[in-house]
Protein backbone atom coordinates (compact mmCIF):
# COMPACT_ATOMS: atom_id res chain seq x y z
CA MET A 1 -21.53 -11.36 5.74
CA PHE A 2 -20.73 -10.66 2.10
CA GLY A 3 -17.08 -10.11 3.00
CA ALA A 4 -16.91 -13.51 4.70
CA LEU A 5 -18.51 -15.20 1.71
CA ARG A 6 -16.19 -13.43 -0.68
CA ASN A 7 -13.16 -14.52 1.32
CA LYS A 8 -14.44 -18.10 1.49
CA TRP A 9 -14.81 -18.16 -2.29
CA ASN A 10 -11.42 -16.50 -2.70
CA ARG A 11 -9.77 -19.11 -0.46
CA LYS A 12 -11.14 -21.94 -2.60
CA GLY A 13 -9.05 -20.64 -5.48
CA LEU A 14 -5.77 -20.88 -3.51
CA LYS A 15 -3.34 -23.00 -5.55
CA ASP A 16 -0.48 -22.96 -3.03
CA GLU A 17 -1.28 -24.02 0.53
CA ARG A 18 1.90 -22.31 1.78
CA PHE A 19 -0.08 -19.07 1.66
CA ASP A 20 -3.08 -20.25 3.62
CA PHE A 21 -1.84 -17.98 6.44
CA LEU A 22 -3.23 -14.97 4.54
CA PHE A 23 -6.73 -16.13 5.45
CA MET A 24 -6.05 -16.72 9.14
CA ASP A 25 -7.19 -14.32 11.86
CA ASP A 26 -4.48 -11.84 12.74
CA ASN A 27 -3.67 -11.36 16.43
CA SER A 28 -0.53 -9.26 16.01
CA GLY A 29 -2.27 -5.94 16.61
CA GLU A 30 -0.29 -4.58 13.67
CA VAL A 31 -1.24 -2.72 10.50
CA VAL A 32 0.90 -2.78 7.36
CA VAL A 33 1.10 0.41 5.32
CA PHE A 34 2.43 -0.11 1.81
CA ASP A 35 3.02 1.64 -1.49
CA CYS A 36 4.03 0.56 -4.99
CA GLU A 37 6.02 2.48 -7.56
CA THR A 38 4.87 1.40 -11.01
CA THR A 39 5.52 1.93 -14.70
CA GLY A 40 2.11 3.56 -15.09
CA LEU A 41 -1.41 3.79 -13.72
CA ASN A 42 -3.07 0.88 -15.52
CA PRO A 43 -2.93 -2.35 -13.47
CA LYS A 44 -3.80 -4.40 -16.54
CA LYS A 45 -0.74 -3.41 -18.56
CA ASP A 46 1.71 -1.69 -16.20
CA GLU A 47 4.25 -3.32 -13.88
CA ILE A 48 5.47 -2.85 -10.31
CA ILE A 49 8.97 -1.39 -10.05
CA SER A 50 9.26 -1.31 -6.27
CA ILE A 51 7.26 -2.10 -3.13
CA GLY A 52 7.71 -0.34 0.19
CA ALA A 53 5.95 -1.44 3.36
CA VAL A 54 6.18 -0.69 7.08
CA LYS A 55 4.36 -1.99 10.15
CA ILE A 56 2.47 0.01 12.77
CA LYS A 57 1.87 -1.22 16.31
CA ASP A 58 0.80 0.52 19.52
CA ASN A 59 0.81 3.94 17.81
CA ARG A 60 4.39 3.45 16.64
CA ILE A 61 5.78 3.16 13.14
CA LEU A 62 8.16 0.22 13.22
CA THR A 63 10.73 1.48 10.76
CA ASN A 64 13.04 -1.36 11.77
CA GLU A 65 10.36 -3.73 10.46
CA SER A 66 10.03 -2.53 6.91
CA ILE A 67 10.75 -3.82 3.43
CA HIS A 68 11.79 -2.02 0.25
CA ILE A 69 11.88 -4.36 -2.72
CA TYR A 70 13.11 -3.47 -6.21
CA ILE A 71 11.85 -5.59 -9.08
CA LYS A 72 13.51 -6.56 -12.34
CA GLN A 73 11.86 -5.23 -15.49
CA GLU A 74 11.61 -7.12 -18.76
CA LYS A 75 10.92 -3.94 -20.72
CA GLN A 76 12.77 -0.63 -20.61
CA ILE A 77 11.22 1.86 -18.20
CA SER A 78 9.73 4.81 -20.03
CA HIS A 79 11.19 8.29 -19.70
CA GLU A 80 7.85 9.56 -18.34
CA SER A 81 7.93 6.95 -15.59
CA ILE A 82 11.57 7.69 -14.68
CA THR A 83 10.83 11.41 -14.25
CA ILE A 84 8.33 10.51 -11.52
CA HIS A 85 10.08 7.86 -9.42
CA LYS A 86 13.68 8.42 -10.59
CA ILE A 87 14.27 4.66 -10.97
CA ARG A 88 16.22 3.77 -14.12
CA HIS A 89 16.61 0.34 -15.68
CA CYS A 90 20.29 0.32 -14.66
CA ASP A 91 19.28 0.90 -11.03
CA LEU A 92 17.61 -2.52 -10.97
CA GLU A 93 20.77 -4.56 -11.54
CA HIS A 94 20.42 -6.30 -8.17
CA ALA A 95 16.61 -6.34 -8.14
CA VAL A 96 14.58 -9.53 -7.71
CA THR A 97 11.98 -11.15 -9.94
CA ILE A 98 8.35 -10.20 -9.46
CA GLU A 99 7.67 -13.74 -8.20
CA LYS A 100 10.21 -13.39 -5.39
CA ALA A 101 9.00 -9.87 -4.60
CA ILE A 102 5.37 -10.93 -4.26
CA GLU A 103 6.29 -13.92 -2.11
CA LYS A 104 8.38 -11.73 0.22
CA PHE A 105 5.58 -9.17 0.42
CA LEU A 106 2.97 -11.80 1.33
CA HIS A 107 5.16 -13.23 4.09
CA PHE A 108 5.62 -9.68 5.41
CA ILE A 109 1.93 -8.78 5.54
CA GLU A 110 0.49 -12.19 6.51
CA GLY A 111 -3.10 -11.61 7.69
CA ARG A 112 -2.57 -8.05 8.90
CA THR A 113 -4.84 -5.16 7.98
CA LEU A 114 -3.47 -3.11 5.08
CA ALA A 115 -3.53 0.69 4.91
CA GLY A 116 -2.50 3.07 2.16
CA TYR A 117 -3.16 6.17 0.11
CA TYR A 118 -5.42 5.30 -2.82
CA LEU A 119 -4.85 1.75 -1.67
CA GLU A 120 -7.23 0.34 -4.27
CA PHE A 121 -4.66 0.90 -7.02
CA ASP A 122 -1.76 -0.67 -5.10
CA VAL A 123 -3.90 -3.67 -4.14
CA ALA A 124 -4.98 -4.08 -7.77
CA MET A 125 -1.33 -4.12 -8.83
CA ILE A 126 -0.50 -6.81 -6.25
CA ASN A 127 -3.65 -8.80 -7.09
CA LYS A 128 -2.63 -9.01 -10.73
CA TYR A 129 0.27 -11.23 -9.69
CA THR A 130 -1.27 -13.09 -6.74
CA LYS A 131 -4.17 -14.14 -8.98
CA ARG A 132 -1.82 -15.47 -11.62
CA MET A 133 0.64 -17.07 -9.21
CA TYR A 134 -1.61 -18.37 -6.44
CA GLY A 135 -5.18 -18.11 -7.71
CA ILE A 136 -6.27 -15.54 -5.11
CA THR A 137 -6.56 -11.83 -4.45
CA LEU A 138 -5.46 -10.22 -1.19
CA PRO A 139 -8.04 -11.17 1.49
CA ASN A 140 -6.70 -8.68 4.07
CA LYS A 141 -8.86 -5.97 5.58
CA GLN A 142 -8.07 -2.59 4.07
CA GLU A 143 -8.13 1.01 5.33
CA GLU A 144 -7.90 3.98 2.97
CA VAL A 145 -6.25 7.00 4.59
CA SER A 146 -7.80 9.52 2.20
CA ALA A 147 -11.26 8.23 3.21
CA ILE A 148 -10.39 8.55 6.91
CA TYR A 149 -9.13 12.08 6.26
CA TYR A 150 -12.31 12.96 4.33
CA ASP A 151 -14.58 11.71 7.12
CA LYS A 152 -12.73 13.79 9.72
CA LYS A 153 -12.49 16.87 7.49
CA ILE A 154 -16.01 17.08 6.07
CA PRO A 155 -17.62 18.36 9.32
CA THR A 156 -15.42 21.46 9.04
CA ILE A 157 -16.29 22.11 5.38
CA PRO A 158 -19.87 20.81 4.94
CA GLN A 159 -20.47 22.83 1.78
CA GLY A 160 -17.00 22.68 0.26
CA ASN A 161 -14.74 20.43 -1.71
CA ILE A 162 -12.01 18.64 0.18
CA ASP A 163 -8.54 18.48 -1.38
CA LEU A 164 -7.42 14.86 -1.07
CA ARG A 165 -4.01 15.26 -2.68
CA PHE A 166 -1.26 13.54 -0.71
CA GLU A 167 0.82 16.71 -0.33
CA THR A 168 -2.22 18.65 0.89
CA ILE A 169 -3.04 16.06 3.55
CA ILE A 170 0.58 15.99 4.77
CA GLU A 171 0.63 19.79 5.01
CA ASP A 172 -2.77 20.05 6.68
CA LEU A 173 -1.73 17.54 9.33
CA ALA A 174 1.60 19.34 9.85
CA LEU A 175 3.61 16.21 9.16
CA PRO A 176 7.22 16.09 7.90
CA LYS A 177 7.77 15.46 4.20
CA LEU A 178 10.17 12.81 3.00
CA GLN A 179 11.40 12.43 -0.56
CA ALA A 180 8.28 11.60 -2.55
CA HIS A 181 7.79 8.84 -5.13
CA ASP A 182 10.02 6.48 -3.19
CA ALA A 183 7.92 3.46 -2.21
CA LEU A 184 9.24 3.14 1.35
CA ASN A 185 9.22 6.90 2.01
CA ASP A 186 5.65 7.10 0.73
CA ALA A 187 4.67 4.18 2.96
CA VAL A 188 6.25 5.85 6.01
CA MET A 189 4.53 9.20 5.27
CA THR A 190 1.22 7.38 4.79
CA ALA A 191 1.79 5.63 8.12
CA MET A 192 2.29 9.04 9.74
CA ILE A 193 -0.99 10.23 8.22
CA TYR A 194 -2.75 7.08 9.42
CA LEU A 195 -1.55 7.47 13.01
CA LYS A 196 -2.28 11.20 13.13
CA LEU A 197 -5.83 10.65 11.90
CA LYS A 198 -6.45 7.72 14.24
CA ASN A 199 -5.40 9.88 17.18
CA THR A 200 -7.26 13.04 16.15
CA LYS A 201 -10.93 13.48 16.98
CA SER A 202 -11.52 16.33 14.56
CA LEU A 203 -9.53 18.46 12.11
CA ARG A 204 -9.29 22.23 12.08
CA ARG A 205 -10.91 24.39 9.44
CA THR A 206 -8.71 25.52 6.57
C-alpha cells in the first residue's frame, strides 16, 4: 500500500509526460540488470561516467539487448577514479551528455523491474538526474542480488558472517569472471548471479 502511495505521489511530480510509461504496468516479463561507473561513491557530489544495462527474459541474458553508454565529464576525472574503472577523460571524446544518457536509459528500462548489486547506490545516482530533469525518481520495482544471496546463504551459516563482496559471490556460485569495473561487464555478471540464485533452492556450505 505504501509503495502504491509513494508511486502516486512520485508520478504527480512528473514534469515531462513523455516518460509517463515508467509508471505503467510492465507485461514484458523482463528484468533489467544495470550498473554505473562513477567518479566516486557520493551521489550528491559525484558523477556517472558510464551506464551498462542488459535484459533478462525466460532465464536468458539477452546480451543482444544491452546498452553501454559513456558520458561526457565537465571536470577532469581523478587519478583515483581512473585506477578503478580505467576510463580516462580522453576516452570520452565520443561520449554523450548526461541528459541524453539518462533519456536513453529510461527508454531502455521502461517499467521493467530493476536488479543490481548494491542497487541502492546506482539508483541514487540515476535519481539525482531524473529528479532534476523530470521531477521524479525511478518508480520501478527493484531486486538486490546481494540480499537474495544472503537469504539463500544464511541457512547454511546461521551463526556466521556472510561475505557479500561481489568477487566472493561470483566465486561461490562458480560463475565466470569478466573484466571488472566495466559497467556492461558488471551488469552481465550481476545478471548471471541473479539467474543462478533464482534457479537455486539452496546454497552449499563454505
